[in-house]
Amino acid sequence: MLLFLLIVLTLGSGCVMTGGSAGTTPAPSPTTTSFVIVETETAAQDPVPATLVPTVNATPAITAAAVPPRDVLESGGEKKPFEYSIRTRSQLLYYTTYDGVRDYLRDRYPDRPTDFYNISTLEDYYRQYVSDPVQKSYLDAFVENVNDRSTLRPDRARIAVSLIQHIPYAETARTLYPYEVLYYDMGKCEDKSILMAYVLSDMGYGTALLLYYPEHHMALGLKCPKQYSIGQSGYCFVETTTPSIMTFHNGSYTGIGKLTSTPEIIRISDGDSFDQISEEYADALTFDAVLNSARWDENGMYLDTFNYDQMGYLRQKYGLFEIDPLSVS
């Protein structure tokens, strides 16, 4: 028996990294495809208003500044729900963001390096996004909230990964601070990768940013056993733009196809290895095998019963995109 499935996603053309430069974010041009791993939300307005974005020629470097009093920082509080999936269960985590913290961060952007291809320069540049002490005091509360969700350290990391993957993808006019991704509840690959690096670093894991120059894409590198890592680098690939299985890197991206280049590794933090990632690695291999078993035509994707069940289980376990069976033959 074959099961007939159609997967339809609204997609962008890839993740463009903007750094600290200003500009108006263009609305994504949605396209339709049978399968792709990076999902984009429907076209949205720039989450960072143009009036709040520093101009290209006047991007301020981070300087010492007076920290506003707590009542100012915590003005405009809003409690927000964030979805995540763990062990086939989808749940919500609530976290309060503040206009005052957003206002404090919005004018503190580091100068984008002129030599953007110098990895040592990039390490300094991106580390500034995770080192602001005011941001830390509020993001620590977020990490504590995640930690309270499980007594198992590996599952805490899994919850953090899933939660950030579920934050809607959207192009932004400039690189966002990790706090701003939570504040605006959206971000591009660069923004969400920096947030994930911050959270997992705070949990004590070694992290890096994986920068794919030719494909204009960024993912998280999570320290892990070499046999599961990208190119024996000691860092496992973690997609950040959409729910995905850690170590799965064979997805197809709109406009660029698969990631074929060797990523530049921008180290963010030293820390522990996520040694329990063998579970995700095995599931990623299964997911890849399911996709390779499929037959395609102009209507969509065909799977046999066994692979259909496998796909359904993995979709539920990791909160992946919906798959709707249309007919059985």
C-alpha atoms as a PDB file:
ATOM      1  CA  MET A   1       0.000   0.000   0.000  1.00  0.00           C
ATOM      2  CA  LEU A   2       1.196   3.471  -0.852  1.00  0.00           C
ATOM      3  CA  LEU A   3       0.147   6.565   1.017  1.00  0.00           C
ATOM      4  CA  PHE A   4      -0.071   9.789  -0.942  1.00  0.00           C
ATOM      5  CA  LEU A   5       1.029  12.978   0.792  1.00  0.00           C
ATOM      6  CA  LEU A   6       1.304  16.569  -0.225  1.00  0.00           C
ATOM      7  CA  ILE A   7       3.637  18.911   1.628  1.00  0.00           C
ATOM      8  CA  VAL A   8       3.067  22.596   0.979  1.00  0.00           C
ATOM      9  CA  LEU A   9       5.130  25.208   2.790  1.00  0.00           C
ATOM     10  CA  THR A  10       5.431  28.951   2.502  1.00  0.00           C
ATOM     11  CA  LEU A  11       9.084  29.631   1.922  1.00  0.00           C
ATOM     12  CA  GLY A  12      11.628  32.388   1.637  1.00  0.00           C
ATOM     13  CA  SER A  13      14.620  32.504  -0.655  1.00  0.00           C
ATOM     14  CA  GLY A  14      17.260  31.810   1.964  1.00  0.00           C
ATOM     15  CA  CYS A  15      18.672  33.457   5.049  1.00  0.00           C
ATOM     16  CA  VAL A  16      20.439  36.755   4.327  1.00  0.00           C
ATOM     17  CA  MET A  17      22.736  38.010   7.075  1.00  0.00           C
ATOM     18  CA  THR A  18      22.561  41.766   7.510  1.00  0.00           C
ATOM     19  CA  GLY A  19      24.897  42.589  10.354  1.00  0.00           C
ATOM     20  CA  GLY A  20      24.499  46.030  11.886  1.00  0.00           C
ATOM     21  CA  SER A  21      23.596  47.890   8.707  1.00  0.00           C
ATOM     22  CA  ALA A  22      20.338  49.732   8.322  1.00  0.00           C
ATOM     23  CA  GLY A  23      17.653  49.512   5.708  1.00  0.00           C
ATOM     24  CA  THR A  24      14.078  48.544   5.149  1.00  0.00           C
ATOM     25  CA  THR A  25      13.476  44.834   5.299  1.00  0.00           C
ATOM     26  CA  PRO A  26      11.942  43.632   2.036  1.00  0.00           C
ATOM     27  CA  ALA A  27       8.887  41.456   2.365  1.00  0.00           C
ATOM     28  CA  PRO A  28       9.759  37.809   1.623  1.00  0.00           C
ATOM     29  CA  SER A  29       8.575  36.513  -1.741  1.00  0.00           C
ATOM     30  CA  PRO A  30       6.747  33.270  -0.922  1.00  0.00           C
ATOM     31  CA  THR A  31       7.120  30.283  -3.181  1.00  0.00           C
ATOM     32  CA  THR A  32       5.655  26.799  -3.035  1.00  0.00           C
ATOM     33  CA  THR A  33       7.629  23.587  -3.135  1.00  0.00           C
ATOM     34  CA  SER A  34       7.137  19.926  -2.392  1.00  0.00           C
ATOM     35  CA  PHE A  35       9.740  19.683   0.342  1.00  0.00           C
ATOM     36  CA  VAL A  36      12.188  21.976   1.992  1.00  0.00           C
ATOM     37  CA  ILE A  37      13.579  22.119   5.496  1.00  0.00           C
ATOM     38  CA  VAL A  38      13.608  25.884   6.022  1.00  0.00           C
ATOM     39  CA  GLU A  39      10.162  27.327   6.539  1.00  0.00           C
ATOM     40  CA  THR A  40       9.358  31.033   6.487  1.00  0.00           C
ATOM     41  CA  GLU A  41       6.344  32.657   8.008  1.00  0.00           C
ATOM     42  CA  THR A  42       4.032  34.610   5.731  1.00  0.00           C
ATOM     43  CA  ALA A  43       5.384  38.002   4.720  1.00  0.00           C
ATOM     44  CA  ALA A  44       5.518  40.316   7.707  1.00  0.00           C
ATOM     45  CA  GLN A  45       6.390  43.898   8.404  1.00  0.00           C
ATOM     46  CA  ASP A  46       9.908  44.634   9.607  1.00  0.00           C
ATOM     47  CA  PRO A  47       9.781  43.732  13.322  1.00  0.00           C
ATOM     48  CA  VAL A  48      12.320  46.478  13.981  1.00  0.00           C
ATOM     49  CA  PRO A  49      10.861  49.820  12.817  1.00  0.00           C
ATOM     50  CA  ALA A  50      13.147  51.754  10.487  1.00  0.00           C
ATOM     51  CA  THR A  51      13.239  54.647  12.953  1.00  0.00           C
ATOM     52  CA  LEU A  52      14.941  52.355  15.454  1.00  0.00           C
ATOM     53  CA  VAL A  53      17.613  51.025  13.100  1.00  0.00           C
ATOM     54  CA  PRO A  54      20.946  52.890  12.969  1.00  0.00           C
ATOM     55  CA  THR A  55      21.940  54.108   9.513  1.00  0.00           C
ATOM     56  CA  VAL A  56      24.721  52.441   7.547  1.00  0.00           C
ATOM     57  CA  ASN A  57      27.165  55.270   8.114  1.00  0.00           C
ATOM     58  CA  ALA A  58      26.262  55.855  11.728  1.00  0.00           C
ATOM     59  CA  THR A  59      26.173  52.403  13.263  1.00  0.00           C
ATOM     60  CA  PRO A  60      27.391  53.013  16.811  1.00  0.00           C
ATOM     61  CA  ALA A  61      29.946  50.762  18.389  1.00  0.00           C
ATOM     62  CA  ILE A  62      29.151  49.474  21.850  1.00  0.00           C
ATOM     63  CA  THR A  63      30.267  52.064  24.380  1.00  0.00           C
ATOM     64  CA  ALA A  64      30.015  52.362  28.131  1.00  0.00           C
ATOM     65  CA  ALA A  65      26.602  53.764  28.945  1.00  0.00           C
ATOM     66  CA  ALA A  66      24.636  54.465  32.051  1.00  0.00           C
ATOM     67  CA  VAL A  67      22.295  51.593  32.823  1.00  0.00           C
ATOM     68  CA  PRO A  68      18.725  52.806  33.241  1.00  0.00           C
ATOM     69  CA  PRO A  69      17.071  52.109  36.570  1.00  0.00           C
ATOM     70  CA  ARG A  70      15.151  48.876  36.923  1.00  0.00           C
ATOM     71  CA  ASP A  71      11.719  50.509  36.707  1.00  0.00           C
ATOM     72  CA  VAL A  72      12.693  51.998  33.337  1.00  0.00           C
ATOM     73  CA  LEU A  73      14.139  48.718  32.018  1.00  0.00           C
ATOM     74  CA  GLU A  74      11.028  46.838  33.076  1.00  0.00           C
ATOM     75  CA  SER A  75       8.525  49.230  31.542  1.00  0.00           C
ATOM     76  CA  GLY A  76       6.113  47.858  28.958  1.00  0.00           C
ATOM     77  CA  GLY A  77       6.147  44.245  30.114  1.00  0.00           C
ATOM     78  CA  GLU A  78       4.331  41.617  28.033  1.00  0.00           C
ATOM     79  CA  LYS A  79       3.995  37.923  28.883  1.00  0.00           C
ATOM     80  CA  LYS A  80       4.460  35.826  25.735  1.00  0.00           C
ATOM     81  CA  PRO A  81       3.958  32.124  24.962  1.00  0.00           C
ATOM     82  CA  PHE A  82       6.746  30.146  23.275  1.00  0.00           C
ATOM     83  CA  GLU A  83       6.031  26.700  21.858  1.00  0.00           C
ATOM     84  CA  TYR A  84       8.339  23.692  22.040  1.00  0.00           C
ATOM     85  CA  SER A  85       8.157  19.912  21.571  1.00  0.00           C
ATOM     86  CA  ILE A  86       9.821  17.269  23.717  1.00  0.00           C
ATOM     87  CA  ARG A  87       9.235  13.500  23.615  1.00  0.00           C
ATOM     88  CA  THR A  88       6.251  13.845  21.233  1.00  0.00           C
ATOM     89  CA  ARG A  89       4.544  16.428  23.478  1.00  0.00           C
ATOM     90  CA  SER A  90       4.037  20.052  22.479  1.00  0.00           C
ATOM     91  CA  GLN A  91       3.984  22.545  25.346  1.00  0.00           C
ATOM     92  CA  LEU A  92       4.191  26.284  26.014  1.00  0.00           C
ATOM     93  CA  LEU A  93       6.713  28.285  28.008  1.00  0.00           C
ATOM     94  CA  TYR A  94       5.788  31.803  29.127  1.00  0.00           C
ATOM     95  CA  TYR A  95       8.334  34.610  29.342  1.00  0.00           C
ATOM     96  CA  THR A  96       7.883  38.341  29.954  1.00  0.00           C
ATOM     97  CA  THR A  97       9.709  40.789  27.694  1.00  0.00           C
ATOM     98  CA  TYR A  98      10.080  44.517  28.358  1.00  0.00           C
ATOM     99  CA  ASP A  99      10.026  47.590  26.143  1.00  0.00           C
ATOM    100  CA  GLY A 100      12.640  49.170  28.401  1.00  0.00           C
ATOM    101  CA  VAL A 101      15.227  46.446  27.814  1.00  0.00           C
ATOM    102  CA  ARG A 102      14.521  46.624  24.071  1.00  0.00           C
ATOM    103  CA  ASP A 103      15.023  50.393  24.152  1.00  0.00           C
ATOM    104  CA  TYR A 104      18.320  50.010  26.015  1.00  0.00           C
ATOM    105  CA  LEU A 105      19.690  47.503  23.481  1.00  0.00           C
ATOM    106  CA  ARG A 106      18.497  49.085  20.260  1.00  0.00           C
ATOM    107  CA  ASP A 107      21.234  51.726  20.032  1.00  0.00           C
ATOM    108  CA  ARG A 108      24.091  49.528  21.216  1.00  0.00           C
ATOM    109  CA  TYR A 109      25.029  47.731  18.022  1.00  0.00           C
ATOM    110  CA  PRO A 110      28.653  46.783  17.378  1.00  0.00           C
ATOM    111  CA  ASP A 111      30.325  48.048  14.217  1.00  0.00           C
ATOM    112  CA  ARG A 112      30.150  45.405  11.529  1.00  0.00           C
ATOM    113  CA  PRO A 113      33.752  44.473  10.631  1.00  0.00           C
ATOM    114  CA  THR A 114      35.015  45.760   7.304  1.00  0.00           C
ATOM    115  CA  ASP A 115      36.938  42.500   6.861  1.00  0.00           C
ATOM    116  CA  PHE A 116      33.916  40.245   7.239  1.00  0.00           C
ATOM    117  CA  TYR A 117      35.809  37.203   5.944  1.00  0.00           C
ATOM    118  CA  ASN A 118      38.294  37.286   8.813  1.00  0.00           C
ATOM    119  CA  ILE A 119      37.079  34.657  11.274  1.00  0.00           C
ATOM    120  CA  SER A 120      38.929  36.121  14.260  1.00  0.00           C
ATOM    121  CA  THR A 121      37.202  39.439  13.559  1.00  0.00           C
ATOM    122  CA  LEU A 122      33.842  37.702  13.289  1.00  0.00           C
ATOM    123  CA  GLU A 123      34.339  35.964  16.616  1.00  0.00           C
ATOM    124  CA  ASP A 124      34.830  39.346  18.305  1.00  0.00           C
ATOM    125  CA  TYR A 125      31.853  40.792  16.451  1.00  0.00           C
ATOM    126  CA  TYR A 126      29.342  38.065  17.300  1.00  0.00           C
ATOM    127  CA  ARG A 127      30.497  37.658  20.897  1.00  0.00           C
ATOM    128  CA  GLN A 128      29.440  41.241  21.545  1.00  0.00           C
ATOM    129  CA  TYR A 129      25.856  40.178  20.902  1.00  0.00           C
ATOM    130  CA  VAL A 130      25.985  37.668  23.759  1.00  0.00           C
ATOM    131  CA  SER A 131      28.034  39.656  26.279  1.00  0.00           C
ATOM    132  CA  ASP A 132      25.861  42.633  27.250  1.00  0.00           C
ATOM    133  CA  PRO A 133      25.409  42.510  31.065  1.00  0.00           C
ATOM    134  CA  VAL A 134      21.932  44.082  31.074  1.00  0.00           C
ATOM    135  CA  GLN A 135      20.693  41.608  28.491  1.00  0.00           C
ATOM    136  CA  LYS A 136      22.227  38.773  30.517  1.00  0.00           C
ATOM    137  CA  SER A 137      20.300  39.633  33.650  1.00  0.00           C
ATOM    138  CA  TYR A 138      17.010  39.195  31.747  1.00  0.00           C
ATOM    139  CA  LEU A 139      17.991  36.274  29.537  1.00  0.00           C
ATOM    140  CA  ASP A 140      19.143  34.354  32.613  1.00  0.00           C
ATOM    141  CA  ALA A 141      15.519  34.356  33.755  1.00  0.00           C
ATOM    142  CA  PHE A 142      14.557  32.834  30.410  1.00  0.00           C
ATOM    143  CA  VAL A 143      17.188  30.087  30.760  1.00  0.00           C
ATOM    144  CA  GLU A 144      16.036  29.378  34.311  1.00  0.00           C
ATOM    145  CA  ASN A 145      12.494  28.993  33.001  1.00  0.00           C
ATOM    146  CA  VAL A 146      13.719  26.434  30.451  1.00  0.00           C
ATOM    147  CA  ASN A 147      15.735  24.594  33.103  1.00  0.00           C
ATOM    148  CA  ASP A 148      12.651  24.323  35.308  1.00  0.00           C
ATOM    149  CA  ARG A 149      10.949  22.257  32.605  1.00  0.00           C
ATOM    150  CA  SER A 150      13.036  19.144  33.210  1.00  0.00           C
ATOM    151  CA  THR A 151      15.272  17.563  35.809  1.00  0.00           C
ATOM    152  CA  LEU A 152      17.370  16.027  33.015  1.00  0.00           C
ATOM    153  CA  ARG A 153      20.136  18.271  31.691  1.00  0.00           C
ATOM    154  CA  PRO A 154      20.090  16.855  28.118  1.00  0.00           C
ATOM    155  CA  ASP A 155      16.330  17.370  27.878  1.00  0.00           C
ATOM    156  CA  ARG A 156      16.742  20.967  29.025  1.00  0.00           C
ATOM    157  CA  ALA A 157      18.996  21.544  26.015  1.00  0.00           C
ATOM    158  CA  ARG A 158      16.495  19.776  23.750  1.00  0.00           C
ATOM    159  CA  ILE A 159      13.702  22.017  25.017  1.00  0.00           C
ATOM    160  CA  ALA A 160      15.821  25.115  24.351  1.00  0.00           C
ATOM    161  CA  VAL A 161      16.625  23.978  20.808  1.00  0.00           C
ATOM    162  CA  SER A 162      12.999  23.179  19.989  1.00  0.00           C
ATOM    163  CA  LEU A 163      11.715  26.419  21.507  1.00  0.00           C
ATOM    164  CA  ILE A 164      14.066  28.587  19.456  1.00  0.00           C
ATOM    165  CA  GLN A 165      13.391  26.580  16.287  1.00  0.00           C
ATOM    166  CA  HIS A 166       9.666  27.248  16.784  1.00  0.00           C
ATOM    167  CA  ILE A 167      10.153  31.029  16.921  1.00  0.00           C
ATOM    168  CA  PRO A 168       8.845  32.273  13.555  1.00  0.00           C
ATOM    169  CA  TYR A 169      11.418  32.934  10.837  1.00  0.00           C
ATOM    170  CA  ALA A 170      11.454  36.419   9.309  1.00  0.00           C
ATOM    171  CA  GLU A 171      14.037  38.606   7.597  1.00  0.00           C
ATOM    172  CA  THR A 172      15.139  41.499   9.800  1.00  0.00           C
ATOM    173  CA  ALA A 173      16.806  44.772   8.858  1.00  0.00           C
ATOM    174  CA  ARG A 174      19.838  44.159  11.056  1.00  0.00           C
ATOM    175  CA  THR A 175      21.308  41.533  13.336  1.00  0.00           C
ATOM    176  CA  LEU A 176      19.168  41.230  16.458  1.00  0.00           C
ATOM    177  CA  TYR A 177      20.392  40.781  19.971  1.00  0.00           C
ATOM    178  CA  PRO A 178      19.253  37.458  21.493  1.00  0.00           C
ATOM    179  CA  TYR A 179      16.847  39.328  23.763  1.00  0.00           C
ATOM    180  CA  GLU A 180      15.293  41.066  20.768  1.00  0.00           C
ATOM    181  CA  VAL A 181      14.503  37.746  19.086  1.00  0.00           C
ATOM    182  CA  LEU A 182      12.366  36.893  22.108  1.00  0.00           C
ATOM    183  CA  TYR A 183      10.956  40.424  22.288  1.00  0.00           C
ATOM    184  CA  TYR A 184       9.858  40.476  18.629  1.00  0.00           C
ATOM    185  CA  ASP A 185       9.166  36.713  18.570  1.00  0.00           C
ATOM    186  CA  MET A 186      10.876  36.360  15.204  1.00  0.00           C
ATOM    187  CA  GLY A 187      14.270  36.404  13.534  1.00  0.00           C
ATOM    188  CA  LYS A 188      16.348  35.169  10.645  1.00  0.00           C
ATOM    189  CA  CYS A 189      18.956  32.378  10.728  1.00  0.00           C
ATOM    190  CA  GLU A 190      21.681  34.656  12.094  1.00  0.00           C
ATOM    191  CA  ASP A 191      19.500  36.107  14.856  1.00  0.00           C
ATOM    192  CA  LYS A 192      18.131  32.769  16.024  1.00  0.00           C
ATOM    193  CA  SER A 193      21.531  31.055  15.869  1.00  0.00           C
ATOM    194  CA  ILE A 194      23.022  33.711  18.168  1.00  0.00           C
ATOM    195  CA  LEU A 195      20.114  33.289  20.592  1.00  0.00           C
ATOM    196  CA  MET A 196      20.557  29.511  20.609  1.00  0.00           C
ATOM    197  CA  ALA A 197      24.293  29.905  21.141  1.00  0.00           C
ATOM    198  CA  TYR A 198      23.610  32.170  24.120  1.00  0.00           C
ATOM    199  CA  VAL A 199      21.113  29.833  25.772  1.00  0.00           C
ATOM    200  CA  LEU A 200      23.125  26.633  25.298  1.00  0.00           C
ATOM    201  CA  SER A 201      26.303  28.417  26.397  1.00  0.00           C
ATOM    202  CA  ASP A 202      24.521  29.522  29.553  1.00  0.00           C
ATOM    203  CA  MET A 203      23.577  25.883  30.118  1.00  0.00           C
ATOM    204  CA  GLY A 204      27.266  25.029  30.027  1.00  0.00           C
ATOM    205  CA  TYR A 205      27.656  23.614  26.510  1.00  0.00           C
ATOM    206  CA  GLY A 206      30.309  24.486  23.958  1.00  0.00           C
ATOM    207  CA  THR A 207      28.836  26.430  21.048  1.00  0.00           C
ATOM    208  CA  ALA A 208      29.794  27.932  17.713  1.00  0.00           C
ATOM    209  CA  LEU A 209      28.118  29.592  14.760  1.00  0.00           C
ATOM    210  CA  LEU A 210      28.340  27.677  11.470  1.00  0.00           C
ATOM    211  CA  LEU A 211      28.562  30.218   8.662  1.00  0.00           C
ATOM    212  CA  TYR A 212      27.935  28.971   5.119  1.00  0.00           C
ATOM    213  CA  TYR A 213      29.215  31.846   3.007  1.00  0.00           C
ATOM    214  CA  PRO A 214      28.137  30.697  -0.500  1.00  0.00           C
ATOM    215  CA  GLU A 215      24.641  29.815   0.677  1.00  0.00           C
ATOM    216  CA  HIS A 216      24.247  32.892   2.922  1.00  0.00           C
ATOM    217  CA  HIS A 217      23.126  30.692   5.785  1.00  0.00           C
ATOM    218  CA  MET A 218      23.983  30.302   9.441  1.00  0.00           C
ATOM    219  CA  ALA A 219      23.260  27.430  11.815  1.00  0.00           C
ATOM    220  CA  LEU A 220      24.307  26.550  15.337  1.00  0.00           C
ATOM    221  CA  GLY A 221      27.316  24.373  16.052  1.00  0.00           C
ATOM    222  CA  LEU A 222      26.823  22.396  19.278  1.00  0.00           C
ATOM    223  CA  LYS A 223      29.895  20.708  20.758  1.00  0.00           C
ATOM    224  CA  CYS A 224      29.426  16.944  20.430  1.00  0.00           C
ATOM    225  CA  PRO A 225      31.324  13.671  19.813  1.00  0.00           C
ATOM    226  CA  LYS A 226      33.238  13.883  16.543  1.00  0.00           C
ATOM    227  CA  GLN A 227      31.498  10.918  14.923  1.00  0.00           C
ATOM    228  CA  TYR A 228      28.242  12.900  14.851  1.00  0.00           C
ATOM    229  CA  SER A 229      29.751  16.264  13.939  1.00  0.00           C
ATOM    230  CA  ILE A 230      30.111  18.234  10.714  1.00  0.00           C
ATOM    231  CA  GLY A 231      33.370  17.253   8.989  1.00  0.00           C
ATOM    232  CA  GLN A 232      34.772  15.750  12.202  1.00  0.00           C
ATOM    233  CA  SER A 233      34.880  19.300  13.594  1.00  0.00           C
ATOM    234  CA  GLY A 234      33.509  18.393  16.999  1.00  0.00           C
ATOM    235  CA  TYR A 235      30.423  20.574  16.377  1.00  0.00           C
ATOM    236  CA  CYS A 236      27.054  19.108  15.463  1.00  0.00           C
ATOM    237  CA  PHE A 237      24.814  20.930  12.987  1.00  0.00           C
ATOM    238  CA  VAL A 238      21.629  22.370  14.496  1.00  0.00           C
ATOM    239  CA  GLU A 239      19.171  24.136  12.191  1.00  0.00           C
ATOM    240  CA  THR A 240      17.644  27.182  13.882  1.00  0.00           C
ATOM    241  CA  THR A 241      15.150  28.596  11.383  1.00  0.00           C
ATOM    242  CA  THR A 242      12.483  25.893  11.716  1.00  0.00           C
ATOM    243  CA  PRO A 243      11.757  22.746  13.751  1.00  0.00           C
ATOM    244  CA  SER A 244      14.275  20.117  12.717  1.00  0.00           C
ATOM    245  CA  ILE A 245      16.215  17.176  14.132  1.00  0.00           C
ATOM    246  CA  MET A 246      19.637  18.010  15.531  1.00  0.00           C
ATOM    247  CA  THR A 247      22.437  16.793  13.186  1.00  0.00           C
ATOM    248  CA  PHE A 248      20.094  16.690  10.150  1.00  0.00           C
ATOM    249  CA  HIS A 249      21.723  18.873   7.492  1.00  0.00           C
ATOM    250  CA  ASN A 250      20.465  17.431   4.203  1.00  0.00           C
ATOM    251  CA  GLY A 251      17.473  19.724   3.832  1.00  0.00           C
ATOM    252  CA  SER A 252      16.855  21.757   0.708  1.00  0.00           C
ATOM    253  CA  TYR A 253      16.728  25.557   0.954  1.00  0.00           C
ATOM    254  CA  THR A 254      14.641  27.686  -1.373  1.00  0.00           C
ATOM    255  CA  GLY A 255      16.793  29.353  -3.998  1.00  0.00           C
ATOM    256  CA  ILE A 256      20.017  27.540  -3.074  1.00  0.00           C
ATOM    257  CA  GLY A 257      19.209  23.843  -2.689  1.00  0.00           C
ATOM    258  CA  LYS A 258      21.307  21.883  -0.198  1.00  0.00           C
ATOM    259  CA  LEU A 259      24.212  23.181   1.852  1.00  0.00           C
ATOM    260  CA  THR A 260      27.318  21.970   0.025  1.00  0.00           C
ATOM    261  CA  SER A 261      30.067  24.291   1.246  1.00  0.00           C
ATOM    262  CA  THR A 262      32.273  23.750   4.283  1.00  0.00           C
ATOM    263  CA  PRO A 263      31.094  26.099   7.037  1.00  0.00           C
ATOM    264  CA  GLU A 264      33.325  28.602   8.752  1.00  0.00           C
ATOM    265  CA  ILE A 265      33.269  27.874  12.494  1.00  0.00           C
ATOM    266  CA  ILE A 266      32.877  30.953  14.670  1.00  0.00           C
ATOM    267  CA  ARG A 267      33.444  29.815  18.242  1.00  0.00           C
ATOM    268  CA  ILE A 268      31.254  31.474  20.818  1.00  0.00           C
ATOM    269  CA  SER A 269      31.877  29.516  24.025  1.00  0.00           C
ATOM    270  CA  ASP A 270      33.852  26.667  25.476  1.00  0.00           C
ATOM    271  CA  GLY A 271      31.875  24.125  27.416  1.00  0.00           C
ATOM    272  CA  ASP A 272      30.640  20.581  27.675  1.00  0.00           C
ATOM    273  CA  SER A 273      29.931  18.233  24.808  1.00  0.00           C
ATOM    274  CA  PHE A 274      26.332  17.159  24.198  1.00  0.00           C
ATOM    275  CA  ASP A 275      27.193  13.471  24.289  1.00  0.00           C
ATOM    276  CA  GLN A 276      23.580  12.278  24.220  1.00  0.00           C
ATOM    277  CA  ILE A 277      23.083  13.480  20.648  1.00  0.00           C
ATOM    278  CA  SER A 278      23.336   9.902  19.329  1.00  0.00           C
ATOM    279  CA  GLU A 279      19.530   9.713  19.732  1.00  0.00           C
ATOM    280  CA  GLU A 280      19.004  12.672  17.399  1.00  0.00           C
ATOM    281  CA  TYR A 281      21.672  11.378  15.032  1.00  0.00           C
ATOM    282  CA  ALA A 282      19.843   8.065  14.647  1.00  0.00           C
ATOM    283  CA  ASP A 283      16.520   9.861  14.107  1.00  0.00           C
ATOM    284  CA  ALA A 284      18.125  12.174  11.534  1.00  0.00           C
ATOM    285  CA  LEU A 285      19.390   9.151   9.600  1.00  0.00           C
ATOM    286  CA  THR A 286      15.893   7.673   9.690  1.00  0.00           C
ATOM    287  CA  PHE A 287      14.371  10.946   8.525  1.00  0.00           C
ATOM    288  CA  ASP A 288      16.844  11.135   5.646  1.00  0.00           C
ATOM    289  CA  ALA A 289      16.084   7.526   4.662  1.00  0.00           C
ATOM    290  CA  VAL A 290      12.348   8.258   4.670  1.00  0.00           C
ATOM    291  CA  LEU A 291      12.834  11.213   2.339  1.00  0.00           C
ATOM    292  CA  ASN A 292      15.071   9.175   0.041  1.00  0.00           C
ATOM    293  CA  SER A 293      12.429   6.431  -0.129  1.00  0.00           C
ATOM    294  CA  ALA A 294       9.735   8.784  -1.394  1.00  0.00           C
ATOM    295  CA  ARG A 295       8.383   8.928  -4.927  1.00  0.00           C
ATOM    296  CA  TRP A 296       7.458  12.307  -6.315  1.00  0.00           C
ATOM    297  CA  ASP A 297       5.256  13.649  -9.054  1.00  0.00           C
ATOM    298  CA  GLU A 298       3.607  16.963  -9.799  1.00  0.00           C
ATOM    299  CA  ASN A 299       1.028  16.329  -7.073  1.00  0.00           C
ATOM    300  CA  GLY A 300       3.367  15.661  -4.193  1.00  0.00           C
ATOM    301  CA  MET A 301       5.109  12.873  -2.312  1.00  0.00           C
ATOM    302  CA  TYR A 302       4.353   9.136  -2.047  1.00  0.00           C
ATOM    303  CA  LEU A 303       5.481   7.005   0.891  1.00  0.00           C
ATOM    304  CA  ASP A 304       4.852   3.350   1.669  1.00  0.00           C
ATOM    305  CA  THR A 305       3.084   2.505   4.928  1.00  0.00           C
ATOM    306  CA  PHE A 306       6.256   1.855   6.917  1.00  0.00           C
ATOM    307  CA  ASN A 307       7.934   5.129   5.952  1.00  0.00           C
ATOM    308  CA  TYR A 308       4.707   7.051   6.395  1.00  0.00           C
ATOM    309  CA  ASP A 309       4.515   5.828   9.985  1.00  0.00           C
ATOM    310  CA  GLN A 310       8.162   6.714  10.531  1.00  0.00           C
ATOM    311  CA  MET A 311       7.578  10.216   9.195  1.00  0.00           C
ATOM    312  CA  GLY A 312       4.535  10.678  11.412  1.00  0.00           C
ATOM    313  CA  TYR A 313       6.414   9.603  14.514  1.00  0.00           C
ATOM    314  CA  LEU A 314       9.368  11.936  13.864  1.00  0.00           C
ATOM    315  CA  ARG A 315       7.042  14.809  13.010  1.00  0.00           C
ATOM    316  CA  GLN A 316       5.294  14.413  16.353  1.00  0.00           C
ATOM    317  CA  LYS A 317       8.484  13.815  18.363  1.00  0.00           C
ATOM    318  CA  TYR A 318      10.211  16.976  17.137  1.00  0.00           C
ATOM    319  CA  GLY A 319       7.200  19.154  16.321  1.00  0.00           C
ATOM    320  CA  LEU A 320       8.016  19.147  12.607  1.00  0.00           C
ATOM    321  CA  PHE A 321       5.793  20.586   9.885  1.00  0.00           C
ATOM    322  CA  GLU A 322       2.380  19.077   9.257  1.00  0.00           C
ATOM    323  CA  ILE A 323       1.908  16.341   6.657  1.00  0.00           C
ATOM    324  CA  ASP A 324      -1.655  15.754   5.419  1.00  0.00           C
ATOM    325  CA  PRO A 325      -2.540  12.419   3.761  1.00  0.00           C
ATOM    326  CA  LEU A 326      -4.804  13.110   0.803  1.00  0.00           C
ATOM    327  CA  SER A 327      -5.543   9.619  -0.499  1.00  0.00           C
ATOM    328  CA  VAL A 328      -4.633   5.974  -0.162  1.00  0.00           C
ATOM    329  CA  SER A 329      -3.951   3.669  -3.106  1.00  0.00           C
END
